[in-house]
C-alpha atoms as a PDB file:
ATOM      1  CA  MET A   1     330.509  42.306 395.296  1.00  0.00           C
ATOM      2  CA  GLU A   2     332.163  41.405 398.107  1.00  0.00           C
ATOM      3  CA  ASP A   3     333.240  37.472 398.621  1.00  0.00           C
ATOM      4  CA  GLY A   4     330.442  35.361 400.059  1.00  0.00           C
ATOM      5  CA  GLU A   5     327.219  37.619 399.501  1.00  0.00           C
ATOM      6  CA  LYS A   6     325.130  35.796 397.736  1.00  0.00           C
ATOM      7  CA  THR A   7     323.121  36.753 394.773  1.00  0.00           C
ATOM      8  CA  LYS A   8     319.540  36.441 394.691  1.00  0.00           C
ATOM      9  CA  PRO A   9     317.698  35.852 390.951  1.00  0.00           C
ATOM     10  CA  VAL A  10     316.058  38.388 388.878  1.00  0.00           C
ATOM     11  CA  ILE A  11     311.668  38.129 389.077  1.00  0.00           C
ATOM     12  CA  ALA A  12     310.578  38.293 385.469  1.00  0.00           C
ATOM     13  CA  ALA A  13     307.630  39.945 387.392  1.00  0.00           C
ATOM     14  CA  ARG A  14     309.744  43.562 388.070  1.00  0.00           C
ATOM     15  CA  GLU A  15     310.947  44.216 384.195  1.00  0.00           C
ATOM     16  CA  ARG A  16     309.759  46.812 383.134  1.00  0.00           C
ATOM     17  CA  GLY A  17     310.741  45.969 379.136  1.00  0.00           C
ATOM     18  CA  PRO A  18     307.931  44.328 376.368  1.00  0.00           C
ATOM     19  CA  GLY A  19     306.908  40.283 376.802  1.00  0.00           C
ATOM     20  CA  PRO A  20     307.994  37.670 373.945  1.00  0.00           C
ATOM     21  CA  GLY A  21     304.783  38.414 372.231  1.00  0.00           C
ATOM     22  CA  ARG A  22     305.604  42.392 371.101  1.00  0.00           C
ATOM     23  CA  TYR A  23     308.372  41.049 368.944  1.00  0.00           C
ATOM     24  CA  GLY A  24     307.114  39.595 365.192  1.00  0.00           C
ATOM     25  CA  LEU A  25     308.592  38.641 361.802  1.00  0.00           C
ATOM     26  CA  PRO A  26     307.815  40.398 358.543  1.00  0.00           C
ATOM     27  CA  SER A  27     304.881  38.740 356.768  1.00  0.00           C
ATOM     28  CA  THR A  28     305.691  36.368 354.063  1.00  0.00           C
ATOM     29  CA  CYS A  29     302.330  36.727 352.561  1.00  0.00           C
ATOM     30  CA  GLY A  30     301.414  39.971 349.908  1.00  0.00           C
ATOM     31  CA  TYR A  31     303.661  42.596 348.466  1.00  0.00           C
ATOM     32  CA  SER A  32     304.039  44.794 350.903  1.00  0.00           C
ATOM     33  CA  ASN A  33     306.001  44.686 353.941  1.00  0.00           C
ATOM     34  CA  HIS A  34     307.422  41.263 352.726  1.00  0.00           C
ATOM     35  CA  ASP A  35     310.335  39.519 354.588  1.00  0.00           C
ATOM     36  CA  SER A  36     313.343  40.322 352.141  1.00  0.00           C
ATOM     37  CA  THR A  37     314.534  36.579 353.434  1.00  0.00           C
ATOM     38  CA  LYS A  38     312.287  34.926 351.999  1.00  0.00           C
ATOM     39  CA  ARG A  39     310.990  34.011 348.266  1.00  0.00           C
ATOM     40  CA  ARG A  40     308.371  36.333 347.605  1.00  0.00           C
ATOM     41  CA  ASN A  41     305.720  34.558 344.940  1.00  0.00           C
ATOM     42  CA  PRO A  42     304.262  36.531 341.940  1.00  0.00           C
ATOM     43  CA  ALA A  43     301.277  38.737 342.481  1.00  0.00           C
ATOM     44  CA  TYR A  44     298.222  39.544 340.328  1.00  0.00           C
ATOM     45  CA  SER A  45     295.628  41.964 340.698  1.00  0.00           C
ATOM     46  CA  PHE A  46     292.421  41.986 339.425  1.00  0.00           C
ATOM     47  CA  GLY A  47     291.678  45.655 337.021  1.00  0.00           C
ATOM     48  CA  TYR A  48     289.027  48.037 337.503  1.00  0.00           C
ATOM     49  CA  PRO A  49     286.126  49.124 335.789  1.00  0.00           C
ATOM     50  CA  LEU A  50     286.848  51.648 333.126  1.00  0.00           C
ATOM     51  CA  LYS A  51     284.645  55.112 333.231  1.00  0.00           C
ATOM     52  CA  GLY A  52     283.051  56.454 330.076  1.00  0.00           C
ATOM     53  CA  ALA A  53     280.042  55.995 327.576  1.00  0.00           C
ATOM     54  CA  SER A  54     281.543  53.941 325.618  1.00  0.00           C
ATOM     55  CA  PHE A  55     282.777  50.713 328.099  1.00  0.00           C
ATOM     56  CA  ASN A  56     279.212  51.612 329.800  1.00  0.00           C
ATOM     57  CA  LYS A  57     277.028  49.757 326.919  1.00  0.00           C
ATOM     58  CA  ASP A  58     277.627  46.188 327.381  1.00  0.00           C
ATOM     59  CA  CYS A  59     276.940  44.829 323.876  1.00  0.00           C
ATOM     60  CA  SER A  60     278.068  41.374 323.839  1.00  0.00           C
ATOM     61  CA  PRO A  61     276.810  38.151 325.722  1.00  0.00           C
ATOM     62  CA  GLY A  62     277.903  37.146 329.383  1.00  0.00           C
ATOM     63  CA  PRO A  63     279.178  33.865 330.209  1.00  0.00           C
ATOM     64  CA  GLY A  64     275.719  32.476 331.030  1.00  0.00           C
ATOM     65  CA  TYR A  65     274.317  33.058 327.102  1.00  0.00           C
ATOM     66  CA  PHE A  66     274.447  29.488 326.046  1.00  0.00           C
ATOM     67  CA  ILE A  67     274.216  28.405 322.403  1.00  0.00           C
ATOM     68  CA  ASP A  68     272.276  25.037 321.908  1.00  0.00           C
ATOM     69  CA  PRO A  69     274.412  22.534 320.024  1.00  0.00           C
ATOM     70  CA  ARG A  70     271.778  21.112 317.973  1.00  0.00           C
ATOM     71  CA  ILE A  71     270.995  24.407 316.548  1.00  0.00           C
ATOM     72  CA  SER A  72     274.154  25.506 313.716  1.00  0.00           C
ATOM     73  CA  ARG A  73     274.610  28.527 310.929  1.00  0.00           C
ATOM     74  CA  HIS A  74     272.313  26.055 308.489  1.00  0.00           C
ATOM     75  CA  GLY A  75     269.821  25.509 311.033  1.00  0.00           C
ATOM     76  CA  ASN A  76     268.175  22.687 313.422  1.00  0.00           C
ATOM     77  CA  ASP A  77     271.031  19.522 312.523  1.00  0.00           C
ATOM     78  CA  GLY A  78     267.426  17.214 311.779  1.00  0.00           C
ATOM     79  CA  THR A  79     267.930  14.592 314.281  1.00  0.00           C
ATOM     80  CA  PRO A  80     264.917  12.796 315.465  1.00  0.00           C
ATOM     81  CA  SER A  81     264.327  13.336 318.957  1.00  0.00           C
ATOM     82  CA  TYR A  82     262.706  11.145 321.762  1.00  0.00           C
ATOM     83  CA  SER A  83     260.514  12.439 324.949  1.00  0.00           C
ATOM     84  CA  ILE A  84     259.035   9.957 327.855  1.00  0.00           C
ATOM     85  CA  LEU A  85     255.763  11.699 329.077  1.00  0.00           C
ATOM     86  CA  GLY A  86     254.218  10.963 332.220  1.00  0.00           C
ATOM     87  CA  ARG A  87     251.124   8.594 332.642  1.00  0.00           C
ATOM     88  CA  GLN A  88     247.534  10.572 332.170  1.00  0.00           C
ATOM     89  CA  LYS A  89     245.421  10.985 335.101  1.00  0.00           C
ATOM     90  CA  ASP A  90     242.455  10.343 332.715  1.00  0.00           C
ATOM     91  CA  GLN A  91     242.569   7.113 330.986  1.00  0.00           C
ATOM     92  CA  ASN A  92     239.524   6.764 329.158  1.00  0.00           C
ATOM     93  CA  THR A  93     240.819   9.659 326.713  1.00  0.00           C
ATOM     94  CA  PHE A  94     243.773   7.609 325.807  1.00  0.00           C
ATOM     95  CA  LYS A  95     243.008   3.966 325.146  1.00  0.00           C
ATOM     96  CA  THR A  96     244.972   1.917 323.204  1.00  0.00           C
ATOM     97  CA  PRO A  97     245.231  -2.043 323.097  1.00  0.00           C
ATOM     98  CA  ALA A  98     248.556  -3.636 324.521  1.00  0.00           C
ATOM     99  CA  PRO A  99     250.765  -6.141 322.130  1.00  0.00           C
ATOM    100  CA  GLY A 100     249.693  -8.945 324.468  1.00  0.00           C
ATOM    101  CA  ALA A 101     245.793  -8.146 322.975  1.00  0.00           C
ATOM    102  CA  TYR A 102     246.197  -9.350 319.625  1.00  0.00           C
ATOM    103  CA  SER A 103     246.224 -12.731 318.533  1.00  0.00           C
ATOM    104  CA  PRO A 104     247.351 -13.425 315.044  1.00  0.00           C
ATOM    105  CA  GLU A 105     247.534 -16.984 315.302  1.00  0.00           C
ATOM    106  CA  LYS A 106     243.860 -16.787 314.898  1.00  0.00           C
ATOM    107  CA  VAL A 107     243.542 -15.062 311.576  1.00  0.00           C
ATOM    108  CA  HIS A 108     242.692 -17.187 309.111  1.00  0.00           C
ATOM    109  CA  PRO A 109     245.444 -17.899 305.852  1.00  0.00           C
ATOM    110  CA  GLN A 110     243.978 -15.748 302.922  1.00  0.00           C
ATOM    111  CA  GLY A 111     243.197 -17.555 299.376  1.00  0.00           C
ATOM    112  CA  GLU A 112     242.290 -21.233 301.140  1.00  0.00           C
ATOM    113  CA  ARG A 113     238.835 -21.592 301.827  1.00  0.00           C
ATOM    114  CA  ARG A 114     237.248 -21.254 305.242  1.00  0.00           C
ATOM    115  CA  ALA A 115     234.718 -24.021 306.727  1.00  0.00           C
ATOM    116  CA  PRO A 116     231.513 -22.451 307.509  1.00  0.00           C
ATOM    117  CA  ALA A 117     230.815 -20.851 310.967  1.00  0.00           C
ATOM    118  CA  HIS A 118     227.237 -20.301 312.372  1.00  0.00           C
ATOM    119  CA  SER A 119     226.487 -18.085 315.522  1.00  0.00           C
ATOM    120  CA  MET A 120     223.547 -18.145 317.418  1.00  0.00           C
ATOM    121  CA  ALA A 121     222.213 -14.444 318.530  1.00  0.00           C
ATOM    122  CA  GLY A 122     219.916 -13.563 321.398  1.00  0.00           C
ATOM    123  CA  ARG A 123     216.132 -13.088 321.215  1.00  0.00           C
ATOM    124  CA  THR A 124     215.494  -9.528 320.047  1.00  0.00           C
ATOM    125  CA  ARG A 125     214.126  -7.319 322.252  1.00  0.00           C
ATOM    126  CA  TYR A 126     211.683  -6.060 319.980  1.00  0.00           C
ATOM    127  CA  ARG A 127     209.933  -9.048 319.248  1.00  0.00           C
ATOM    128  CA  LYS A 128     206.111  -9.855 320.105  1.00  0.00           C
ATOM    129  CA  ARG A 129     205.810 -11.496 323.290  1.00  0.00           C
ATOM    130  CA  ASP A 130     205.595 -15.563 322.209  1.00  0.00           C
ATOM    131  CA  PRO A 131     203.621 -17.503 324.184  1.00  0.00           C
ATOM    132  CA  ASN A 132     204.775 -20.746 323.679  1.00  0.00           C
ATOM    133  CA  PRO A 133     207.425 -22.566 325.722  1.00  0.00           C
ATOM    134  CA  SER A 134     210.902 -22.948 324.831  1.00  0.00           C
ATOM    135  CA  PRO A 135     212.817 -26.143 324.013  1.00  0.00           C
ATOM    136  CA  ASN A 136     214.433 -26.773 327.463  1.00  0.00           C
ATOM    137  CA  SER A 137     211.488 -26.345 328.956  1.00  0.00           C
ATOM    138  CA  TYR A 138     209.957 -29.432 329.187  1.00  0.00           C
ATOM    139  CA  SER A 139     211.521 -32.665 330.773  1.00  0.00           C
ATOM    140  CA  LEU A 140     211.057 -36.380 331.224  1.00  0.00           C
ATOM    141  CA  PRO A 141     209.538 -37.914 334.376  1.00  0.00           C
ATOM    142  CA  THR A 142     212.122 -39.717 335.818  1.00  0.00           C
ATOM    143  CA  LEU A 143     212.241 -43.698 335.689  1.00  0.00           C
ATOM    144  CA  LEU A 144     213.232 -44.000 339.266  1.00  0.00           C
ATOM    145  CA  GLY A 145     210.577 -45.702 341.397  1.00  0.00           C
ATOM    146  CA  SER A 146     206.816 -46.336 340.619  1.00  0.00           C
ATOM    147  CA  ARG A 147     205.873 -42.983 339.088  1.00  0.00           C
ATOM    148  CA  ILE A 148     204.738 -43.629 335.752  1.00  0.00           C
ATOM    149  CA  ALA A 149     202.483 -46.623 335.169  1.00  0.00           C
ATOM    150  CA  ASN A 150     203.010 -47.610 331.332  1.00  0.00           C
ATOM    151  CA  LYS A 151     206.644 -47.609 331.842  1.00  0.00           C
ATOM    152  CA  LYS A 152     209.447 -50.149 334.084  1.00  0.00           C
ATOM    153  CA  ALA A 153     210.342 -48.818 336.912  1.00  0.00           C
ATOM    154  CA  SER A 154     213.853 -49.680 338.158  1.00  0.00           C
ATOM    155  CA  ALA A 155     214.629 -51.286 341.480  1.00  0.00           C
ATOM    156  CA  ALA A 156     214.943 -48.115 344.694  1.00  0.00           C
ATOM    157  CA  TYR A 157     215.939 -48.920 347.905  1.00  0.00           C
ATOM    158  CA  SER A 158     216.409 -46.567 350.967  1.00  0.00           C
ATOM    159  CA  MET A 159     218.412 -46.443 353.511  1.00  0.00           C
ATOM    160  CA  THR A 160     216.989 -46.015 357.544  1.00  0.00           C
ATOM    161  CA  ASN A 161     218.461 -45.621 361.076  1.00  0.00           C
ATOM    162  CA  ARG A 162     220.216 -48.588 362.659  1.00  0.00           C
ATOM    163  CA  SER A 163     217.586 -49.991 365.135  1.00  0.00           C
ATOM    164  CA  GLN A 164     217.766 -49.302 368.592  1.00  0.00           C
ATOM    165  CA  THR A 165     215.943 -52.208 369.730  1.00  0.00           C
ATOM    166  CA  GLY A 166     216.090 -55.976 368.634  1.00  0.00           C
ATOM    167  CA  CYS A 167     219.813 -54.935 367.409  1.00  0.00           C
ATOM    168  CA  PHE A 168     222.977 -57.190 367.650  1.00  0.00           C
ATOM    169  CA  SER A 169     224.613 -54.647 369.440  1.00  0.00           C
ATOM    170  CA  GLU A 170     221.489 -53.792 371.722  1.00  0.00           C
ATOM    171  CA  ASP A 171     222.882 -54.048 375.579  1.00  0.00           C
ATOM    172  CA  LEU A 172     220.378 -55.972 376.707  1.00  0.00           C
ATOM    173  CA  ALA A 173     222.669 -55.986 380.195  1.00  0.00           C
ATOM    174  CA  ARG A 174     223.699 -52.269 380.229  1.00  0.00           C
ATOM    175  CA  THR A 175     227.065 -53.162 380.982  1.00  0.00           C
ATOM    176  CA  PRO A 176     229.722 -50.277 381.412  1.00  0.00           C
ATOM    177  CA  GLY A 177     232.185 -50.351 378.067  1.00  0.00           C
ATOM    178  CA  PRO A 178     236.074 -51.380 378.364  1.00  0.00           C
ATOM    179  CA  GLY A 179     236.715 -47.028 378.354  1.00  0.00           C
ATOM    180  CA  ARG A 180     235.061 -47.237 381.462  1.00  0.00           C
ATOM    181  CA  TYR A 181     237.331 -48.544 383.547  1.00  0.00           C
ATOM    182  CA  SER A 182     241.053 -46.756 384.893  1.00  0.00           C
ATOM    183  CA  ILE A 183     244.013 -47.906 384.169  1.00  0.00           C
ATOM    184  CA  LEU A 184     245.649 -49.363 387.606  1.00  0.00           C
ATOM    185  CA  ASP A 185     248.738 -48.318 388.896  1.00  0.00           C
ATOM    186  CA  PRO A 186     251.903 -50.466 388.113  1.00  0.00           C
ATOM    187  CA  ASN A 187     253.248 -48.659 391.356  1.00  0.00           C
ATOM    188  CA  VAL A 188     250.839 -50.857 393.462  1.00  0.00           C
ATOM    189  CA  LEU A 189     251.602 -54.344 392.153  1.00  0.00           C
ATOM    190  CA  LYS A 190     255.335 -54.054 391.028  1.00  0.00           C
ATOM    191  CA  GLY A 191     258.553 -52.218 393.075  1.00  0.00           C
ATOM    192  CA  ARG A 192     257.712 -48.272 393.154  1.00  0.00           C
ATOM    193  CA  ALA A 193     260.270 -46.264 390.436  1.00  0.00           C
ATOM    194  CA  PRO A 194     262.037 -44.327 391.963  1.00  0.00           C
ATOM    195  CA  ALA A 195     260.267 -40.060 392.106  1.00  0.00           C
ATOM    196  CA  TYR A 196     262.413 -37.050 391.991  1.00  0.00           C
ATOM    197  CA  SER A 197     260.861 -33.397 392.735  1.00  0.00           C
ATOM    198  CA  LEU A 198     262.622 -30.012 391.703  1.00  0.00           C
ATOM    199  CA  LEU A 199     263.372 -27.729 394.046  1.00  0.00           C
ATOM    200  CA  GLY A 200     264.179 -23.873 393.762  1.00  0.00           C
ATOM    201  CA  ARG A 201     268.095 -22.725 393.588  1.00  0.00           C
ATOM    202  CA  ASN A 202     269.909 -22.496 397.179  1.00  0.00           C
ATOM    203  CA  ASN A 203     271.572 -19.233 397.889  1.00  0.00           C
ATOM    204  CA  LEU A 204     275.675 -20.235 398.385  1.00  0.00           C
ATOM    205  CA  PRO A 205     276.705 -20.379 402.142  1.00  0.00           C
ATOM    206  CA  GLY A 206     279.018 -17.210 402.552  1.00  0.00           C
ATOM    207  CA  ASP A 207     279.045 -14.051 405.186  1.00  0.00           C
ATOM    208  CA  SER A 208     278.242 -10.279 403.905  1.00  0.00           C
ATOM    209  CA  THR A 209     281.255  -8.930 403.577  1.00  0.00           C
ATOM    210  CA  GLN A 210     282.072  -7.245 399.916  1.00  0.00           C
ATOM    211  CA  LYS A 211     285.119  -8.393 398.597  1.00  0.00           C
ATOM    212  CA  PRO A 212     286.986  -7.502 395.710  1.00  0.00           C
ATOM    213  CA  GLY A 213     286.671  -8.742 392.224  1.00  0.00           C
ATOM    214  CA  PRO A 214     289.032  -9.892 389.522  1.00  0.00           C
ATOM    215  CA  GLY A 215     289.554  -6.621 388.245  1.00  0.00           C
ATOM    216  CA  ALA A 216     290.258  -4.995 391.205  1.00  0.00           C
ATOM    217  CA  HIS A 217     293.634  -6.017 391.583  1.00  0.00           C
ATOM    218  CA  LYS A 218     296.437  -4.585 390.004  1.00  0.00           C
ATOM    219  CA  PRO A 219     300.176  -6.735 389.985  1.00  0.00           C
ATOM    220  CA  GLU A 220     301.247  -4.222 387.367  1.00  0.00           C
ATOM    221  CA  ILE A 221     301.586  -1.352 389.572  1.00  0.00           C
ATOM    222  CA  VAL A 222     302.965  -3.376 392.383  1.00  0.00           C
ATOM    223  CA  ASN A 223     306.401  -1.965 393.968  1.00  0.00           C
ATOM    224  CA  VAL A 224     307.311  -3.885 396.980  1.00  0.00           C
ATOM    225  CA  ASN A 225     309.383  -6.739 395.758  1.00  0.00           C
ATOM    226  CA  LYS A 226     309.386  -5.079 392.272  1.00  0.00           C
ATOM    227  CA  LYS A 227     312.313  -2.314 390.791  1.00  0.00           C
ATOM    228  CA  GLN A 228     310.650   1.107 390.533  1.00  0.00           C
ATOM    229  CA  ALA A 229     311.355   3.768 388.100  1.00  0.00           C
ATOM    230  CA  PRO A 230     312.439   7.075 389.196  1.00  0.00           C
ATOM    231  CA  SER A 231     308.916   9.525 390.072  1.00  0.00           C
ATOM    232  CA  PHE A 232     309.140  13.272 389.486  1.00  0.00           C
ATOM    233  CA  SER A 233     306.239  15.736 390.630  1.00  0.00           C
ATOM    234  CA  LEU A 234     306.297  19.533 390.012  1.00  0.00           C
ATOM    235  CA  GLY A 235     306.372  22.197 393.276  1.00  0.00           C
ATOM    236  CA  ILE A 236     304.440  25.456 393.724  1.00  0.00           C
ATOM    237  CA  ARG A 237     306.107  28.676 392.792  1.00  0.00           C
ATOM    238  CA  HIS A 238     305.775  30.736 395.446  1.00  0.00           C
ATOM    239  CA  SER A 239     305.850  34.959 394.402  1.00  0.00           C
ATOM    240  CA  GLU A 240     305.883  37.908 396.228  1.00  0.00           C
ATOM    241  CA  PHE A 241     303.112  39.292 393.700  1.00  0.00           C
ATOM    242  CA  VAL A 242     300.431  36.843 394.128  1.00  0.00           C
ATOM    243  CA  THR A 243     297.364  37.384 395.103  1.00  0.00           C
ATOM    244  CA  PRO A 244     297.257  36.563 398.856  1.00  0.00           C
ATOM    245  CA  LEU A 245     294.051  34.490 400.209  1.00  0.00           C
ATOM    246  CA  ILE A 246     291.442  36.437 401.620  1.00  0.00           C
ATOM    247  CA  VAL A 247     288.811  34.810 403.442  1.00  0.00           C
ATOM    248  CA  GLU A 248     285.398  36.700 404.366  1.00  0.00           C
ATOM    249  CA  ILE A 249     284.540  35.866 408.741  1.00  0.00           C
ATOM    250  CA  ALA A 250     281.644  36.147 409.591  1.00  0.00           C
ATOM    251  CA  GLU A 251     281.618  38.733 413.061  1.00  0.00           C
END
């Protein structure tokens, strides 16, 4: 190579050898083709079913066979068991009184004397109709007013409404009452009190140009009067193997 001749960089696209993805390390999983430089853990295998008539016959229960722990070689263990049933749909078939339906305090003690008890039953339906009235059908006459000639009557009074003619409250002059007069406004005779009114809100004076808000300013990126950190950019690699841009031009 002569002095002064510039060397050209090697273009990776011109290389015809295999790429980095063609090479790979041996596997570390499994027994076959294991990496000799790595530690190999013990491997286990599952057996296969044996052939023959003696092995095809299954004479033992599988893992799903469950023996009730309450049953032993002597039989059932005998411990009591209870169950909670749901409420019956037909409540008329099974009616029992609740604990609150019993009243033991009303029971007379045994061995003590008991007072006689009597009850009044209703009149039987099959008895013939009695034309005589019952005792509660009779009633004594009232003693208020002069209704009984041979009895002394108590004083009776009656309450009537108030007469509108000749009464002490009769309005002969037909004058209006105090409620017919209206109250005079104090501002007519006395000093007028200050009066205020509420107006609508007025818009603030100003132009209609849009101005940035406080959040639009970013003082942290100012580099006019502050030191700026170095920044770098990545250029575009140009190669002769890049497909050129092809644009269809209308005729």
